[in-house]
Amino acid sequence: MYTEEKIDKFIELRARGWSLGHIATDLDVSKRTLVDWNREYAKDVQSVHALELELLKEKIIASREEQLDHLHRLQKDIADELGSRRLKYIETEDLFRLSLDLRGEIERLHHLKDSDEESSSPSPNGHARSTSPVNNGAA
């Protein structure tokens, strides 16, 4: 009666958190049918949702690693500059402050990376550890 494409689209939209009402309008399918599909394809929706979350997590980790690499290169450049300058000819206070700030940021990103790795590794009972959102320093 309904094409497999519509069912697949339902699973995709539901996994993204769309309401049944919005999906009914988008796919031009009755809400009653979607209620049945929601029950019938619940495991498929859950699997797609979990896959999308994992892909998003990998993207965030890759972004952090790129950021960390960039900060390491910048920190090395500053350290090299500090090592080559004679202190009596330049204002080093700003460079020292920047060096300390960068080291702090590198440590923070290392800590976040370690937290991500711990949360994605299985616990001793074989189940994945739960993850909690990171607030990126916000109070």
N, C-alpha and C. Protein backbone atom coordinates (compact mmCIF):
# COMPACT_ATOMS: atom_id res chain seq x y z
N MET A 1 0.82 -1.18 0.00
CA MET A 1 0.00 0.00 0.00
C MET A 1 0.87 1.26 0.00
N TYR A 2 1.83 1.34 0.90
CA TYR A 2 2.76 2.46 0.92
C TYR A 2 4.12 1.99 0.42
N THR A 3 4.82 2.88 -0.24
CA THR A 3 6.13 2.51 -0.77
C THR A 3 7.13 2.38 0.36
N GLU A 4 8.14 1.59 0.10
CA GLU A 4 9.20 1.44 1.09
C GLU A 4 9.94 2.75 1.30
N GLU A 5 9.97 3.59 0.26
CA GLU A 5 10.61 4.90 0.39
C GLU A 5 9.90 5.75 1.44
N LYS A 6 8.56 5.69 1.47
CA LYS A 6 7.81 6.48 2.47
C LYS A 6 8.09 5.96 3.87
N ILE A 7 8.15 4.65 4.00
CA ILE A 7 8.42 4.07 5.31
C ILE A 7 9.83 4.44 5.76
N ASP A 8 10.80 4.36 4.84
CA ASP A 8 12.17 4.74 5.17
C ASP A 8 12.26 6.20 5.57
N LYS A 9 11.53 7.05 4.85
CA LYS A 9 11.51 8.48 5.16
C LYS A 9 10.88 8.70 6.53
N PHE A 10 9.82 7.95 6.85
CA PHE A 10 9.20 8.03 8.17
C PHE A 10 10.22 7.69 9.25
N ILE A 11 10.94 6.59 9.06
CA ILE A 11 11.94 6.16 10.05
C ILE A 11 13.00 7.25 10.23
N GLU A 12 13.46 7.81 9.13
CA GLU A 12 14.49 8.86 9.18
C GLU A 12 13.98 10.10 9.93
N LEU A 13 12.78 10.56 9.58
CA LEU A 13 12.24 11.76 10.22
C LEU A 13 11.93 11.53 11.70
N ARG A 14 11.41 10.36 12.00
CA ARG A 14 11.10 10.04 13.39
C ARG A 14 12.38 9.97 14.22
N ALA A 15 13.45 9.40 13.63
CA ALA A 15 14.73 9.31 14.33
C ALA A 15 15.31 10.70 14.61
N ARG A 16 14.95 11.65 13.75
CA ARG A 16 15.41 13.03 13.95
C ARG A 16 14.55 13.79 14.95
N GLY A 17 13.50 13.14 15.44
CA GLY A 17 12.68 13.74 16.48
C GLY A 17 11.44 14.45 15.98
N TRP A 18 11.10 14.28 14.72
CA TRP A 18 9.90 14.92 14.19
C TRP A 18 8.66 14.32 14.86
N SER A 19 7.66 15.15 15.06
CA SER A 19 6.40 14.67 15.62
C SER A 19 5.61 13.92 14.53
N LEU A 20 4.70 13.07 14.97
CA LEU A 20 3.88 12.32 14.02
C LEU A 20 3.02 13.27 13.18
N GLY A 21 2.57 14.36 13.78
CA GLY A 21 1.76 15.33 13.04
C GLY A 21 2.55 15.98 11.91
N HIS A 22 3.78 16.35 12.19
CA HIS A 22 4.61 16.96 11.14
C HIS A 22 4.95 15.95 10.05
N ILE A 23 5.22 14.73 10.46
CA ILE A 23 5.55 13.69 9.47
C ILE A 23 4.33 13.41 8.59
N ALA A 24 3.15 13.36 9.21
CA ALA A 24 1.91 13.11 8.45
C ALA A 24 1.73 14.17 7.37
N THR A 25 1.98 15.41 7.71
CA THR A 25 1.85 16.50 6.74
C THR A 25 2.92 16.38 5.65
N ASP A 26 4.15 16.11 6.06
CA ASP A 26 5.26 16.04 5.10
C ASP A 26 5.12 14.87 4.13
N LEU A 27 4.70 13.71 4.65
CA LEU A 27 4.61 12.51 3.81
C LEU A 27 3.23 12.29 3.21
N ASP A 28 2.26 13.08 3.63
CA ASP A 28 0.87 12.92 3.20
C ASP A 28 0.35 11.52 3.52
N VAL A 29 0.55 11.15 4.79
CA VAL A 29 0.11 9.86 5.32
C VAL A 29 -0.73 10.16 6.56
N SER A 30 -1.77 9.38 6.79
CA SER A 30 -2.63 9.65 7.95
C SER A 30 -1.85 9.43 9.25
N LYS A 31 -2.24 10.20 10.24
CA LYS A 31 -1.59 10.10 11.54
C LYS A 31 -1.82 8.72 12.15
N ARG A 32 -2.98 8.14 11.92
CA ARG A 32 -3.29 6.80 12.43
C ARG A 32 -2.30 5.78 11.87
N THR A 33 -1.99 5.89 10.58
CA THR A 33 -1.01 4.99 9.96
C THR A 33 0.35 5.18 10.61
N LEU A 34 0.71 6.44 10.87
CA LEU A 34 2.01 6.72 11.48
C LEU A 34 2.10 6.19 12.90
N VAL A 35 0.98 6.21 13.62
CA VAL A 35 0.96 5.63 14.97
C VAL A 35 1.29 4.13 14.87
N ASP A 36 0.68 3.46 13.88
CA ASP A 36 0.97 2.03 13.68
C ASP A 36 2.43 1.82 13.29
N TRP A 37 2.92 2.64 12.36
CA TRP A 37 4.33 2.53 11.94
C TRP A 37 5.27 2.81 13.10
N ASN A 38 4.89 3.77 13.92
CA ASN A 38 5.74 4.14 15.06
C ASN A 38 5.94 2.93 15.97
N ARG A 39 4.88 2.17 16.16
CA ARG A 39 4.96 0.96 16.98
C ARG A 39 5.75 -0.13 16.25
N GLU A 40 5.42 -0.33 14.98
CA GLU A 40 6.01 -1.41 14.19
C GLU A 40 7.51 -1.21 13.93
N TYR A 41 7.91 0.03 13.70
CA TYR A 41 9.30 0.31 13.32
C TYR A 41 10.10 1.00 14.42
N ALA A 42 9.65 0.84 15.65
CA ALA A 42 10.30 1.51 16.79
C ALA A 42 11.78 1.16 16.89
N LYS A 43 12.11 -0.12 16.69
CA LYS A 43 13.53 -0.52 16.78
C LYS A 43 14.35 0.09 15.66
N ASP A 44 13.77 0.18 14.46
CA ASP A 44 14.47 0.80 13.34
C ASP A 44 14.72 2.28 13.62
N VAL A 45 13.71 2.96 14.14
CA VAL A 45 13.85 4.38 14.48
C VAL A 45 14.96 4.54 15.52
N GLN A 46 14.95 3.69 16.52
CA GLN A 46 15.95 3.76 17.58
C GLN A 46 17.36 3.52 17.01
N SER A 47 17.50 2.58 16.11
CA SER A 47 18.80 2.28 15.51
C SER A 47 19.32 3.45 14.69
N VAL A 48 18.44 4.05 13.88
CA VAL A 48 18.85 5.19 13.06
C VAL A 48 19.23 6.36 13.97
N HIS A 49 18.45 6.57 15.01
CA HIS A 49 18.75 7.65 15.95
C HIS A 49 20.12 7.43 16.61
N ALA A 50 20.39 6.22 17.04
CA ALA A 50 21.68 5.91 17.67
C ALA A 50 22.83 6.11 16.69
N LEU A 51 22.63 5.71 15.44
CA LEU A 51 23.65 5.89 14.42
C LEU A 51 23.93 7.37 14.18
N GLU A 52 22.88 8.18 14.08
CA GLU A 52 23.06 9.62 13.88
C GLU A 52 23.78 10.26 15.06
N LEU A 53 23.46 9.83 16.27
CA LEU A 53 24.16 10.36 17.45
C LEU A 53 25.64 9.98 17.42
N GLU A 54 25.94 8.76 17.03
CA GLU A 54 27.33 8.32 16.95
C GLU A 54 28.10 9.11 15.90
N LEU A 55 27.48 9.35 14.75
CA LEU A 55 28.14 10.15 13.71
C LEU A 55 28.39 11.57 14.18
N LEU A 56 27.43 12.15 14.87
CA LEU A 56 27.59 13.49 15.40
C LEU A 56 28.72 13.53 16.43
N LYS A 57 28.77 12.54 17.27
CA LYS A 57 29.83 12.46 18.29
C LYS A 57 31.20 12.36 17.63
N GLU A 58 31.32 11.54 16.58
CA GLU A 58 32.59 11.42 15.87
C GLU A 58 33.00 12.74 15.24
N LYS A 59 32.02 13.47 14.70
CA LYS A 59 32.30 14.77 14.08
C LYS A 59 32.81 15.75 15.14
N ILE A 60 32.21 15.75 16.31
CA ILE A 60 32.62 16.64 17.39
C ILE A 60 34.02 16.29 17.86
N ILE A 61 34.31 15.00 18.01
CA ILE A 61 35.64 14.58 18.45
C ILE A 61 36.69 14.98 17.41
N ALA A 62 36.39 14.79 16.13
CA ALA A 62 37.33 15.16 15.07
C ALA A 62 37.58 16.67 15.11
N SER A 63 36.54 17.45 15.33
CA SER A 63 36.68 18.90 15.41
C SER A 63 37.57 19.29 16.58
N ARG A 64 37.39 18.64 17.71
CA ARG A 64 38.22 18.92 18.88
C ARG A 64 39.67 18.56 18.61
N GLU A 65 39.89 17.44 17.94
CA GLU A 65 41.26 17.03 17.63
C GLU A 65 41.93 18.02 16.69
N GLU A 66 41.19 18.53 15.70
CA GLU A 66 41.75 19.56 14.81
C GLU A 66 42.08 20.82 15.60
N GLN A 67 41.19 21.20 16.48
CA GLN A 67 41.41 22.39 17.30
C GLN A 67 42.63 22.19 18.20
N LEU A 68 42.74 21.02 18.76
CA LEU A 68 43.87 20.71 19.63
C LEU A 68 45.18 20.75 18.84
N ASP A 69 45.21 20.18 17.64
CA ASP A 69 46.41 20.23 16.80
C ASP A 69 46.80 21.67 16.49
N HIS A 70 45.80 22.48 16.15
CA HIS A 70 46.08 23.89 15.85
C HIS A 70 46.67 24.60 17.06
N LEU A 71 46.10 24.37 18.24
CA LEU A 71 46.61 25.00 19.46
C LEU A 71 48.02 24.53 19.79
N HIS A 72 48.31 23.26 19.54
CA HIS A 72 49.67 22.75 19.77
C HIS A 72 50.67 23.46 18.85
N ARG A 73 50.30 23.62 17.57
CA ARG A 73 51.19 24.32 16.64
C ARG A 73 51.41 25.76 17.07
N LEU A 74 50.35 26.43 17.48
CA LEU A 74 50.45 27.81 17.93
C LEU A 74 51.31 27.91 19.19
N GLN A 75 51.10 26.98 20.10
CA GLN A 75 51.90 26.96 21.33
C GLN A 75 53.37 26.77 21.00
N LYS A 76 53.69 25.90 20.06
CA LYS A 76 55.08 25.68 19.67
C LYS A 76 55.67 26.94 19.04
N ASP A 77 54.90 27.60 18.18
CA ASP A 77 55.37 28.85 17.57
C ASP A 77 55.69 29.90 18.63
N ILE A 78 54.82 30.01 19.62
CA ILE A 78 55.05 30.98 20.69
C ILE A 78 56.28 30.59 21.51
N ALA A 79 56.39 29.31 21.81
CA ALA A 79 57.56 28.85 22.57
C ALA A 79 58.85 29.11 21.79
N ASP A 80 58.81 28.85 20.49
CA ASP A 80 59.98 29.13 19.65
C ASP A 80 60.31 30.62 19.66
N GLU A 81 59.29 31.45 19.54
CA GLU A 81 59.48 32.90 19.54
C GLU A 81 60.06 33.36 20.87
N LEU A 82 59.50 32.83 21.96
CA LEU A 82 60.02 33.19 23.28
C LEU A 82 61.48 32.77 23.44
N GLY A 83 61.80 31.60 22.90
CA GLY A 83 63.18 31.11 23.00
C GLY A 83 64.17 31.91 22.18
N SER A 84 63.70 32.51 21.09
CA SER A 84 64.62 33.24 20.21
C SER A 84 64.74 34.73 20.57
N ARG A 85 63.86 35.23 21.41
CA ARG A 85 63.87 36.66 21.74
C ARG A 85 64.73 36.94 22.96
N ARG A 86 65.31 38.10 22.92
CA ARG A 86 66.04 38.58 24.09
C ARG A 86 65.06 39.39 24.91
N LEU A 87 64.95 39.08 26.16
CA LEU A 87 63.92 39.67 27.01
C LEU A 87 64.06 41.18 27.16
N LYS A 88 65.27 41.72 27.05
CA LYS A 88 65.41 43.16 27.26
C LYS A 88 64.90 43.98 26.08
N TYR A 89 64.68 43.33 24.89
CA TYR A 89 64.23 44.08 23.72
C TYR A 89 62.73 43.94 23.44
N ILE A 90 62.06 43.06 24.09
CA ILE A 90 60.64 42.85 23.79
C ILE A 90 59.82 42.79 25.06
N GLU A 91 58.54 42.99 24.87
CA GLU A 91 57.62 42.82 26.00
C GLU A 91 57.21 41.36 26.03
N THR A 92 57.73 40.65 26.96
CA THR A 92 57.47 39.21 27.00
C THR A 92 56.25 38.86 27.85
N GLU A 93 55.79 39.80 28.65
CA GLU A 93 54.67 39.51 29.54
C GLU A 93 53.46 39.00 28.76
N ASP A 94 53.16 39.64 27.64
CA ASP A 94 52.01 39.22 26.84
C ASP A 94 52.23 37.82 26.26
N LEU A 95 53.44 37.54 25.80
CA LEU A 95 53.70 36.21 25.25
C LEU A 95 53.64 35.14 26.33
N PHE A 96 54.16 35.43 27.51
CA PHE A 96 54.07 34.46 28.60
C PHE A 96 52.61 34.21 28.96
N ARG A 97 51.80 35.27 29.03
CA ARG A 97 50.38 35.13 29.37
C ARG A 97 49.67 34.28 28.31
N LEU A 98 49.94 34.57 27.03
CA LEU A 98 49.34 33.80 25.95
C LEU A 98 49.77 32.33 26.02
N SER A 99 51.04 32.12 26.33
CA SER A 99 51.54 30.75 26.45
C SER A 99 50.79 29.99 27.55
N LEU A 100 50.60 30.65 28.68
CA LEU A 100 49.85 30.01 29.77
C LEU A 100 48.40 29.75 29.39
N ASP A 101 47.78 30.70 28.73
CA ASP A 101 46.39 30.52 28.29
C ASP A 101 46.26 29.35 27.32
N LEU A 102 47.19 29.27 26.38
CA LEU A 102 47.16 28.17 25.42
C LEU A 102 47.37 26.82 26.10
N ARG A 103 48.28 26.78 27.04
CA ARG A 103 48.49 25.52 27.78
C ARG A 103 47.22 25.12 28.51
N GLY A 104 46.54 26.09 29.11
CA GLY A 104 45.28 25.79 29.79
C GLY A 104 44.23 25.26 28.83
N GLU A 105 44.13 25.86 27.65
CA GLU A 105 43.17 25.41 26.65
C GLU A 105 43.51 23.99 26.15
N ILE A 106 44.80 23.73 25.96
CA ILE A 106 45.23 22.40 25.54
C ILE A 106 44.87 21.36 26.60
N GLU A 107 45.10 21.69 27.85
CA GLU A 107 44.73 20.77 28.94
C GLU A 107 43.22 20.53 28.97
N ARG A 108 42.45 21.61 28.77
CA ARG A 108 41.00 21.46 28.77
C ARG A 108 40.54 20.53 27.65
N LEU A 109 41.10 20.71 26.45
CA LEU A 109 40.72 19.86 25.33
C LEU A 109 41.18 18.42 25.54
N HIS A 110 42.36 18.24 26.14
CA HIS A 110 42.80 16.88 26.46
C HIS A 110 41.82 16.22 27.43
N HIS A 111 41.38 17.00 28.41
CA HIS A 111 40.44 16.46 29.39
C HIS A 111 39.12 16.08 28.71
N LEU A 112 38.63 16.94 27.81
CA LEU A 112 37.40 16.62 27.08
C LEU A 112 37.57 15.38 26.22
N LYS A 113 38.72 15.27 25.56
CA LYS A 113 38.99 14.10 24.71
C LYS A 113 39.01 12.83 25.56
N ASP A 114 39.69 12.90 26.70
CA ASP A 114 39.74 11.73 27.59
C ASP A 114 38.36 11.37 28.10
N SER A 115 37.53 12.37 28.40
CA SER A 115 36.16 12.12 28.86
C SER A 115 35.34 11.45 27.77
N ASP A 116 35.50 11.92 26.52
CA ASP A 116 34.78 11.31 25.40
C ASP A 116 35.20 9.86 25.21
N GLU A 117 36.48 9.59 25.30
CA GLU A 117 36.96 8.22 25.12
C GLU A 117 36.46 7.31 26.23
N GLU A 118 36.43 7.81 27.46
CA GLU A 118 35.93 7.01 28.58
C GLU A 118 34.44 6.72 28.41
N SER A 119 33.68 7.73 27.98
CA SER A 119 32.23 7.54 27.87
C SER A 119 31.85 6.63 26.71
N SER A 120 32.72 6.51 25.70
CA SER A 120 32.39 5.65 24.57
C SER A 120 32.91 4.23 24.75
N SER A 121 33.79 4.02 25.73
CA SER A 121 34.28 2.66 25.96
C SER A 121 33.30 1.92 26.87
N PRO A 122 33.19 0.60 26.68
CA PRO A 122 32.25 -0.14 27.52
C PRO A 122 32.70 -0.19 28.97
N SER A 123 31.74 -0.24 29.85
CA SER A 123 32.05 -0.38 31.27
C SER A 123 32.37 -1.84 31.54
N PRO A 124 32.85 -2.15 32.75
CA PRO A 124 33.21 -3.54 33.06
C PRO A 124 32.09 -4.54 32.86
N ASN A 125 30.83 -4.10 32.94
CA ASN A 125 29.71 -5.03 32.76
C ASN A 125 29.36 -5.25 31.30
N GLY A 126 30.14 -4.60 30.38
CA GLY A 126 29.93 -4.83 28.95
C GLY A 126 28.98 -3.85 28.30
N HIS A 127 28.33 -3.00 29.09
CA HIS A 127 27.40 -2.01 28.54
C HIS A 127 28.14 -0.70 28.30
N ALA A 128 27.68 0.04 27.32
CA ALA A 128 28.28 1.35 27.04
C ALA A 128 28.01 2.27 28.21
N ARG A 129 28.99 3.10 28.53
CA ARG A 129 28.79 4.08 29.60
C ARG A 129 27.86 5.17 29.11
N SER A 130 27.10 5.74 30.03
CA SER A 130 26.22 6.83 29.61
C SER A 130 27.04 8.10 29.44
N THR A 131 26.55 8.98 28.59
CA THR A 131 27.24 10.23 28.35
C THR A 131 26.40 11.36 28.87
N SER A 132 27.07 12.43 29.29
CA SER A 132 26.37 13.62 29.71
C SER A 132 26.84 14.77 28.87
N PRO A 133 25.97 15.74 28.60
CA PRO A 133 26.36 16.85 27.72
C PRO A 133 27.45 17.69 28.35
N VAL A 134 28.28 18.26 27.51
CA VAL A 134 29.35 19.13 27.94
C VAL A 134 28.87 20.55 27.78
N ASN A 135 29.14 21.39 28.77
CA ASN A 135 28.61 22.75 28.72
C ASN A 135 29.61 23.74 28.15
N ASN A 136 30.78 23.29 27.69
CA ASN A 136 31.79 24.16 27.08
C ASN A 136 32.12 25.37 27.94
N GLY A 137 32.19 25.15 29.22
CA GLY A 137 32.61 26.21 30.13
C GLY A 137 31.49 27.13 30.56
N ALA A 138 30.28 26.93 30.06
CA ALA A 138 29.16 27.79 30.47
C ALA A 138 28.70 27.38 31.85
N ALA A 139 28.22 28.36 32.60
CA ALA A 139 27.75 28.06 33.95
C ALA A 139 26.36 27.51 33.94
